[in-house]
Amino acid sequence: MDMTLRTYDPSKLDEFSLRLLDLASIVRQMANLSREQGIEDLPLHDKKALEWCVKLEQWAHKTRADLEVKILQDKAERRGRSAAE
């Protein structure tokens, strides 16, 4: 699997989060429809989807930590510049 490092601005993060919300909405619609129609035993091949969810959760936690480090680094850099002035 090819890992690509790309920069994201807040708009790109919003776009990505909306894509995830769209997927969540589809699954919620399926849950509601199956509930409304009395379907209690829908067979699904979920192994890969569950694996992807675990990886996505790990990625989200790591990415959040990376953002917090970047924020601290930027604050320290700004303080250093203003102290030098």
PDB file of N, CA and C in Angstrom:
ATOM      1  N   MET A   1       0.837  -1.172   0.000  1.00  0.00           N
ATOM      2  CA  MET A   1       0.000   0.000   0.000  1.00  0.00           C
ATOM      3  C   MET A   1       0.886   1.241   0.000  1.00  0.00           C
ATOM      4  N   ASP A   2       0.631   2.156  -0.911  1.00  0.00           N
ATOM      5  CA  ASP A   2       1.421   3.368  -1.045  1.00  0.00           C
ATOM      6  C   ASP A   2       0.906   4.433  -0.087  1.00  0.00           C
ATOM      7  N   MET A   3       1.768   4.866   0.832  1.00  0.00           N
ATOM      8  CA  MET A   3       1.396   5.910   1.782  1.00  0.00           C
ATOM      9  C   MET A   3       1.831   7.249   1.203  1.00  0.00           C
ATOM     10  N   THR A   4       0.917   8.194   1.154  1.00  0.00           N
ATOM     11  CA  THR A   4       1.216   9.502   0.610  1.00  0.00           C
ATOM     12  C   THR A   4       0.976  10.549   1.678  1.00  0.00           C
ATOM     13  N   LEU A   5       1.982  11.382   1.909  1.00  0.00           N
ATOM     14  CA  LEU A   5       1.860  12.469   2.867  1.00  0.00           C
ATOM     15  C   LEU A   5       1.374  13.701   2.121  1.00  0.00           C
ATOM     16  N   ARG A   6       0.213  14.192   2.506  1.00  0.00           N
ATOM     17  CA  ARG A   6      -0.370  15.374   1.878  1.00  0.00           C
ATOM     18  C   ARG A   6      -0.673  16.396   2.958  1.00  0.00           C
ATOM     19  N   THR A   7      -0.626  17.656   2.577  1.00  0.00           N
ATOM     20  CA  THR A   7      -0.987  18.696   3.534  1.00  0.00           C
ATOM     21  C   THR A   7      -2.486  18.970   3.437  1.00  0.00           C
ATOM     22  N   TYR A   8      -3.090  19.205   4.593  1.00  0.00           N
ATOM     23  CA  TYR A   8      -4.524  19.479   4.675  1.00  0.00           C
ATOM     24  C   TYR A   8      -4.731  20.821   5.356  1.00  0.00           C
ATOM     25  N   ASP A   9      -5.566  21.656   4.753  1.00  0.00           N
ATOM     26  CA  ASP A   9      -5.995  22.872   5.427  1.00  0.00           C
ATOM     27  C   ASP A   9      -7.345  22.578   6.077  1.00  0.00           C
ATOM     28  N   PRO A  10      -7.890  23.500   6.867  1.00  0.00           N
ATOM     29  CA  PRO A  10      -9.165  23.223   7.534  1.00  0.00           C
ATOM     30  C   PRO A  10     -10.294  22.828   6.576  1.00  0.00           C
ATOM     31  N   SER A  11     -10.326  23.431   5.391  1.00  0.00           N
ATOM     32  CA  SER A  11     -11.382  23.090   4.424  1.00  0.00           C
ATOM     33  C   SER A  11     -11.261  21.649   3.946  1.00  0.00           C
ATOM     34  N   LYS A  12     -10.033  21.212   3.717  1.00  0.00           N
ATOM     35  CA  LYS A  12      -9.805  19.831   3.269  1.00  0.00           C
ATOM     36  C   LYS A  12     -10.179  18.849   4.384  1.00  0.00           C
ATOM     37  N   LEU A  13      -9.882  19.207   5.642  1.00  0.00           N
ATOM     38  CA  LEU A  13     -10.293  18.364   6.770  1.00  0.00           C
ATOM     39  C   LEU A  13     -11.815  18.292   6.860  1.00  0.00           C
ATOM     40  N   ASP A  14     -12.476  19.433   6.649  1.00  0.00           N
ATOM     41  CA  ASP A  14     -13.943  19.440   6.642  1.00  0.00           C
ATOM     42  C   ASP A  14     -14.492  18.531   5.547  1.00  0.00           C
ATOM     43  N   GLU A  15     -13.895  18.622   4.361  1.00  0.00           N
ATOM     44  CA  GLU A  15     -14.329  17.795   3.228  1.00  0.00           C
ATOM     45  C   GLU A  15     -14.204  16.308   3.571  1.00  0.00           C
ATOM     46  N   PHE A  16     -13.089  15.944   4.192  1.00  0.00           N
ATOM     47  CA  PHE A  16     -12.860  14.553   4.578  1.00  0.00           C
ATOM     48  C   PHE A  16     -13.869  14.112   5.636  1.00  0.00           C
ATOM     49  N   SER A  17     -14.100  14.966   6.634  1.00  0.00           N
ATOM     50  CA  SER A  17     -15.045  14.601   7.699  1.00  0.00           C
ATOM     51  C   SER A  17     -16.460  14.457   7.147  1.00  0.00           C
ATOM     52  N   LEU A  18     -16.831  15.296   6.181  1.00  0.00           N
ATOM     53  CA  LEU A  18     -18.166  15.177   5.584  1.00  0.00           C
ATOM     54  C   LEU A  18     -18.309  13.867   4.813  1.00  0.00           C
ATOM     55  N   ARG A  19     -17.233  13.435   4.194  1.00  0.00           N
ATOM     56  CA  ARG A  19     -17.267  12.137   3.495  1.00  0.00           C
ATOM     57  C   ARG A  19     -17.530  11.005   4.485  1.00  0.00           C
ATOM     58  N   LEU A  20     -16.863  11.069   5.651  1.00  0.00           N
ATOM     59  CA  LEU A  20     -17.091  10.058   6.689  1.00  0.00           C
ATOM     60  C   LEU A  20     -18.518  10.131   7.220  1.00  0.00           C
ATOM     61  N   LEU A  21     -19.020  11.348   7.404  1.00  0.00           N
ATOM     62  CA  LEU A  21     -20.398  11.504   7.876  1.00  0.00           C
ATOM     63  C   LEU A  21     -21.403  10.967   6.859  1.00  0.00           C
ATOM     64  N   ASP A  22     -21.113  11.138   5.574  1.00  0.00           N
ATOM     65  CA  ASP A  22     -21.986  10.579   4.534  1.00  0.00           C
ATOM     66  C   ASP A  22     -22.056   9.059   4.652  1.00  0.00           C
ATOM     67  N   LEU A  23     -20.905   8.426   4.887  1.00  0.00           N
ATOM     68  CA  LEU A  23     -20.891   6.966   5.060  1.00  0.00           C
ATOM     69  C   LEU A  23     -21.671   6.559   6.304  1.00  0.00           C
ATOM     70  N   ALA A  24     -21.468   7.283   7.396  1.00  0.00           N
ATOM     71  CA  ALA A  24     -22.203   6.990   8.631  1.00  0.00           C
ATOM     72  C   ALA A  24     -23.701   7.156   8.410  1.00  0.00           C
ATOM     73  N   SER A  25     -24.079   8.159   7.641  1.00  0.00           N
ATOM     74  CA  SER A  25     -25.492   8.399   7.356  1.00  0.00           C
ATOM     75  C   SER A  25     -26.111   7.235   6.583  1.00  0.00           C
ATOM     76  N   ILE A  26     -25.368   6.696   5.638  1.00  0.00           N
ATOM     77  CA  ILE A  26     -25.868   5.550   4.864  1.00  0.00           C
ATOM     78  C   ILE A  26     -26.131   4.365   5.788  1.00  0.00           C
ATOM     79  N   VAL A  27     -25.191   4.093   6.695  1.00  0.00           N
ATOM     80  CA  VAL A  27     -25.357   2.961   7.611  1.00  0.00           C
ATOM     81  C   VAL A  27     -26.525   3.216   8.562  1.00  0.00           C
ATOM     82  N   ARG A  28     -26.678   4.453   9.035  1.00  0.00           N
ATOM     83  CA  ARG A  28     -27.820   4.792   9.906  1.00  0.00           C
ATOM     84  C   ARG A  28     -29.140   4.617   9.153  1.00  0.00           C
ATOM     85  N   GLN A  29     -29.176   5.021   7.890  1.00  0.00           N
ATOM     86  CA  GLN A  29     -30.379   4.830   7.078  1.00  0.00           C
ATOM     87  C   GLN A  29     -30.701   3.350   6.941  1.00  0.00           C
ATOM     88  N   MET A  30     -29.664   2.536   6.750  1.00  0.00           N
ATOM     89  CA  MET A  30     -29.874   1.089   6.662  1.00  0.00           C
ATOM     90  C   MET A  30     -30.441   0.556   7.971  1.00  0.00           C
ATOM     91  N   ALA A  31     -29.905   1.028   9.096  1.00  0.00           N
ATOM     92  CA  ALA A  31     -30.403   0.583  10.407  1.00  0.00           C
ATOM     93  C   ALA A  31     -31.867   0.963  10.575  1.00  0.00           C
ATOM     94  N   ASN A  32     -32.193   2.202  10.236  1.00  0.00           N
ATOM     95  CA  ASN A  32     -33.580   2.652  10.374  1.00  0.00           C
ATOM     96  C   ASN A  32     -34.518   1.893   9.444  1.00  0.00           C
ATOM     97  N   LEU A  33     -34.089   1.685   8.207  1.00  0.00           N
ATOM     98  CA  LEU A  33     -34.925   0.964   7.248  1.00  0.00           C
ATOM     99  C   LEU A  33     -35.134  -0.480   7.683  1.00  0.00           C
ATOM    100  N   SER A  34     -34.074  -1.135   8.146  1.00  0.00           N
ATOM    101  CA  SER A  34     -34.236  -2.526   8.590  1.00  0.00           C
ATOM    102  C   SER A  34     -35.136  -2.583   9.823  1.00  0.00           C
ATOM    103  N   ARG A  35     -35.023  -1.592  10.695  1.00  0.00           N
ATOM    104  CA  ARG A  35     -35.888  -1.526  11.881  1.00  0.00           C
ATOM    105  C   ARG A  35     -37.356  -1.333  11.453  1.00  0.00           C
ATOM    106  N   GLU A  36     -37.577  -0.391  10.538  1.00  0.00           N
ATOM    107  CA  GLU A  36     -38.936  -0.107  10.058  1.00  0.00           C
ATOM    108  C   GLU A  36     -39.557  -1.314   9.365  1.00  0.00           C
ATOM    109  N   GLN A  37     -38.744  -2.062   8.650  1.00  0.00           N
ATOM    110  CA  GLN A  37     -39.243  -3.199   7.876  1.00  0.00           C
ATOM    111  C   GLN A  37     -39.188  -4.510   8.652  1.00  0.00           C
ATOM    112  N   GLY A  38     -38.738  -4.462   9.891  1.00  0.00           N
ATOM    113  CA  GLY A  38     -38.698  -5.661  10.718  1.00  0.00           C
ATOM    114  C   GLY A  38     -37.620  -6.651  10.318  1.00  0.00           C
ATOM    115  N   ILE A  39     -36.579  -6.171   9.654  1.00  0.00           N
ATOM    116  CA  ILE A  39     -35.467  -7.046   9.260  1.00  0.00           C
ATOM    117  C   ILE A  39     -34.517  -7.150  10.448  1.00  0.00           C
ATOM    118  N   GLU A  40     -34.423  -8.326  11.027  1.00  0.00           N
ATOM    119  CA  GLU A  40     -33.591  -8.539  12.211  1.00  0.00           C
ATOM    120  C   GLU A  40     -32.358  -9.385  11.926  1.00  0.00           C
ATOM    121  N   ASP A  41     -32.199  -9.839  10.665  1.00  0.00           N
ATOM    122  CA  ASP A  41     -31.113 -10.784  10.388  1.00  0.00           C
ATOM    123  C   ASP A  41     -30.471 -10.538   9.026  1.00  0.00           C
ATOM    124  N   LEU A  42     -30.002  -9.309   8.790  1.00  0.00           N
ATOM    125  CA  LEU A  42     -29.357  -8.967   7.521  1.00  0.00           C
ATOM    126  C   LEU A  42     -27.914  -9.481   7.524  1.00  0.00           C
ATOM    127  N   PRO A  43     -27.596 -10.447   6.669  1.00  0.00           N
ATOM    128  CA  PRO A  43     -26.218 -10.947   6.631  1.00  0.00           C
ATOM    129  C   PRO A  43     -25.311  -9.953   5.892  1.00  0.00           C
ATOM    130  N   LEU A  44     -24.183  -9.627   6.498  1.00  0.00           N
ATOM    131  CA  LEU A  44     -23.228  -8.694   5.896  1.00  0.00           C
ATOM    132  C   LEU A  44     -21.821  -9.267   5.986  1.00  0.00           C
ATOM    133  N   HIS A  45     -21.033  -9.040   4.950  1.00  0.00           N
ATOM    134  CA  HIS A  45     -19.603  -9.358   4.995  1.00  0.00           C
ATOM    135  C   HIS A  45     -18.931  -8.127   5.605  1.00  0.00           C
ATOM    136  N   ASP A  46     -18.635  -8.176   6.899  1.00  0.00           N
ATOM    137  CA  ASP A  46     -18.168  -6.980   7.592  1.00  0.00           C
ATOM    138  C   ASP A  46     -16.704  -7.014   8.022  1.00  0.00           C
ATOM    139  N   LYS A  47     -16.013  -8.098   7.775  1.00  0.00           N
ATOM    140  CA  LYS A  47     -14.643  -8.239   8.285  1.00  0.00           C
ATOM    141  C   LYS A  47     -13.749  -7.095   7.807  1.00  0.00           C
ATOM    142  N   LYS A  48     -13.722  -6.838   6.507  1.00  0.00           N
ATOM    143  CA  LYS A  48     -12.862  -5.785   5.958  1.00  0.00           C
ATOM    144  C   LYS A  48     -13.303  -4.414   6.451  1.00  0.00           C
ATOM    145  N   ALA A  49     -14.600  -4.168   6.470  1.00  0.00           N
ATOM    146  CA  ALA A  49     -15.100  -2.867   6.923  1.00  0.00           C
ATOM    147  C   ALA A  49     -14.710  -2.613   8.374  1.00  0.00           C
ATOM    148  N   LEU A  50     -14.808  -3.630   9.218  1.00  0.00           N
ATOM    149  CA  LEU A  50     -14.424  -3.470  10.623  1.00  0.00           C
ATOM    150  C   LEU A  50     -12.918  -3.249  10.761  1.00  0.00           C
ATOM    151  N   GLU A  51     -12.125  -3.939   9.936  1.00  0.00           N
ATOM    152  CA  GLU A  51     -10.674  -3.723   9.941  1.00  0.00           C
ATOM    153  C   GLU A  51     -10.351  -2.291   9.530  1.00  0.00           C
ATOM    154  N   TRP A  52     -11.047  -1.790   8.490  1.00  0.00           N
ATOM    155  CA  TRP A  52     -10.818  -0.421   8.028  1.00  0.00           C
ATOM    156  C   TRP A  52     -11.196   0.584   9.115  1.00  0.00           C
ATOM    157  N   CYS A  53     -12.269   0.301   9.832  1.00  0.00           N
ATOM    158  CA  CYS A  53     -12.695   1.199  10.918  1.00  0.00           C
ATOM    159  C   CYS A  53     -11.634   1.273  12.010  1.00  0.00           C
ATOM    160  N   VAL A  54     -11.067   0.137  12.370  1.00  0.00           N
ATOM    161  CA  VAL A  54     -10.011   0.124  13.392  1.00  0.00           C
ATOM    162  C   VAL A  54      -8.817   0.944  12.911  1.00  0.00           C
ATOM    163  N   LYS A  55      -8.412   0.724  11.660  1.00  0.00           N
ATOM    164  CA  LYS A  55      -7.274   1.471  11.114  1.00  0.00           C
ATOM    165  C   LYS A  55      -7.584   2.960  11.031  1.00  0.00           C
ATOM    166  N   LEU A  56      -8.802   3.298  10.660  1.00  0.00           N
ATOM    167  CA  LEU A  56      -9.199   4.699  10.568  1.00  0.00           C
ATOM    168  C   LEU A  56      -9.204   5.358  11.944  1.00  0.00           C
ATOM    169  N   GLU A  57      -9.670   4.633  12.955  1.00  0.00           N
ATOM    170  CA  GLU A  57      -9.640   5.160  14.327  1.00  0.00           C
ATOM    171  C   GLU A  57      -8.203   5.403  14.777  1.00  0.00           C
ATOM    172  N   GLN A  58      -7.316   4.442  14.490  1.00  0.00           N
ATOM    173  CA  GLN A  58      -5.905   4.603  14.861  1.00  0.00           C
ATOM    174  C   GLN A  58      -5.300   5.803  14.138  1.00  0.00           C
ATOM    175  N   TRP A  59      -5.604   5.923  12.852  1.00  0.00           N
ATOM    176  CA  TRP A  59      -5.112   7.046  12.058  1.00  0.00           C
ATOM    177  C   TRP A  59      -5.615   8.367  12.629  1.00  0.00           C
ATOM    178  N   ALA A  60      -6.887   8.430  12.991  1.00  0.00           N
ATOM    179  CA  ALA A  60      -7.468   9.667  13.520  1.00  0.00           C
ATOM    180  C   ALA A  60      -6.795  10.069  14.831  1.00  0.00           C
ATOM    181  N   HIS A  61      -6.558   9.106  15.720  1.00  0.00           N
ATOM    182  CA  HIS A  61      -5.901   9.420  16.993  1.00  0.00           C
ATOM    183  C   HIS A  61      -4.462   9.895  16.771  1.00  0.00           C
ATOM    184  N   LYS A  62      -3.735   9.228  15.866  1.00  0.00           N
ATOM    185  CA  LYS A  62      -2.357   9.627  15.582  1.00  0.00           C
ATOM    186  C   LYS A  62      -2.329  11.002  14.937  1.00  0.00           C
ATOM    187  N   THR A  63      -3.228  11.233  14.004  1.00  0.00           N
ATOM    188  CA  THR A  63      -3.282  12.515  13.314  1.00  0.00           C
ATOM    189  C   THR A  63      -3.617  13.640  14.282  1.00  0.00           C
ATOM    190  N   ARG A  64      -4.538  13.385  15.205  1.00  0.00           N
ATOM    191  CA  ARG A  64      -4.882  14.393  16.221  1.00  0.00           C
ATOM    192  C   ARG A  64      -3.659  14.713  17.078  1.00  0.00           C
ATOM    193  N   ALA A  65      -2.917  13.689  17.473  1.00  0.00           N
ATOM    194  CA  ALA A  65      -1.702  13.907  18.264  1.00  0.00           C
ATOM    195  C   ALA A  65      -0.672  14.701  17.463  1.00  0.00           C
ATOM    196  N   ASP A  66      -0.525  14.385  16.177  1.00  0.00           N
ATOM    197  CA  ASP A  66       0.396  15.133  15.313  1.00  0.00           C
ATOM    198  C   ASP A  66      -0.009  16.607  15.242  1.00  0.00           C
ATOM    199  N   LEU A  67      -1.306  16.872  15.147  1.00  0.00           N
ATOM    200  CA  LEU A  67      -1.799  18.249  15.104  1.00  0.00           C
ATOM    201  C   LEU A  67      -1.467  18.981  16.400  1.00  0.00           C
ATOM    202  N   GLU A  68      -1.669  18.317  17.521  1.00  0.00           N
ATOM    203  CA  GLU A  68      -1.382  18.946  18.812  1.00  0.00           C
ATOM    204  C   GLU A  68       0.104  19.270  18.958  1.00  0.00           C
ATOM    205  N   VAL A  69       0.977  18.389  18.464  1.00  0.00           N
ATOM    206  CA  VAL A  69       2.418  18.662  18.477  1.00  0.00           C
ATOM    207  C   VAL A  69       2.725  19.859  17.586  1.00  0.00           C
ATOM    208  N   LYS A  70       2.126  19.899  16.404  1.00  0.00           N
ATOM    209  CA  LYS A  70       2.341  21.019  15.471  1.00  0.00           C
ATOM    210  C   LYS A  70       1.900  22.332  16.098  1.00  0.00           C
ATOM    211  N   ILE A  71       0.775  22.338  16.787  1.00  0.00           N
ATOM    212  CA  ILE A  71       0.290  23.545  17.461  1.00  0.00           C
ATOM    213  C   ILE A  71       1.309  24.014  18.496  1.00  0.00           C
ATOM    214  N   LEU A  72       1.816  23.091  19.313  1.00  0.00           N
ATOM    215  CA  LEU A  72       2.811  23.447  20.330  1.00  0.00           C
ATOM    216  C   LEU A  72       4.101  23.969  19.696  1.00  0.00           C
ATOM    217  N   GLN A  73       4.544  23.339  18.611  1.00  0.00           N
ATOM    218  CA  GLN A  73       5.753  23.793  17.928  1.00  0.00           C
ATOM    219  C   GLN A  73       5.570  25.201  17.368  1.00  0.00           C
ATOM    220  N   ASP A  74       4.418  25.450  16.746  1.00  0.00           N
ATOM    221  CA  ASP A  74       4.155  26.773  16.175  1.00  0.00           C
ATOM    222  C   ASP A  74       4.089  27.840  17.266  1.00  0.00           C
ATOM    223  N   LYS A  75       3.459  27.518  18.401  1.00  0.00           N
ATOM    224  CA  LYS A  75       3.393  28.472  19.518  1.00  0.00           C
ATOM    225  C   LYS A  75       4.792  28.787  20.033  1.00  0.00           C
ATOM    226  N   ALA A  76       5.616  27.760  20.199  1.00  0.00           N
ATOM    227  CA  ALA A  76       6.982  27.959  20.689  1.00  0.00           C
ATOM    228  C   ALA A  76       7.786  28.803  19.705  1.00  0.00           C
ATOM    229  N   GLU A  77       7.600  28.558  18.427  1.00  0.00           N
ATOM    230  CA  GLU A  77       8.314  29.322  17.404  1.00  0.00           C
ATOM    231  C   GLU A  77       7.893  30.794  17.442  1.00  0.00           C
ATOM    232  N   ARG A  78       6.596  31.053  17.587  1.00  0.00           N
ATOM    233  CA  ARG A  78       6.110  32.439  17.661  1.00  0.00           C
ATOM    234  C   ARG A  78       6.646  33.141  18.910  1.00  0.00           C
ATOM    235  N   ARG A  79       6.654  32.425  20.038  1.00  0.00           N
ATOM    236  CA  ARG A  79       7.193  33.003  21.280  1.00  0.00           C
ATOM    237  C   ARG A  79       8.677  33.321  21.120  1.00  0.00           C
ATOM    238  N   GLY A  80       9.387  32.418  20.476  1.00  0.00           N
ATOM    239  CA  GLY A  80      10.815  32.636  20.243  1.00  0.00           C
ATOM    240  C   GLY A  80      11.065  33.852  19.370  1.00  0.00           C
ATOM    241  N   ARG A  81      10.256  34.024  18.340  1.00  0.00           N
ATOM    242  CA  ARG A  81      10.412  35.182  17.454  1.00  0.00           C
ATOM    243  C   ARG A  81      10.085  36.479  18.178  1.00  0.00           C
ATOM    244  N   SER A  82       9.002  36.467  18.974  1.00  0.00           N
ATOM    245  CA  SER A  82       8.628  37.710  19.654  1.00  0.00           C
ATOM    246  C   SER A  82       9.602  38.032  20.784  1.00  0.00           C
ATOM    247  N   ALA A  83      10.227  37.030  21.383  1.00  0.00           N
ATOM    248  CA  ALA A  83      11.233  37.280  22.420  1.00  0.00           C
ATOM    249  C   ALA A  83      12.505  37.854  21.799  1.00  0.00           C
ATOM    250  N   ALA A  84      12.788  37.479  20.559  1.00  0.00           N
ATOM    251  CA  ALA A  84      13.989  37.954  19.872  1.00  0.00           C
ATOM    252  C   ALA A  84      13.823  39.388  19.376  1.00  0.00           C
ATOM    253  N   GLU A  85      12.600  39.866  19.296  1.00  0.00           N
ATOM    254  CA  GLU A  85      12.357  41.226  18.776  1.00  0.00           C
ATOM    255  C   GLU A  85      12.625  42.278  19.777  1.00  0.00           C
TER     256      GLU A  85
END
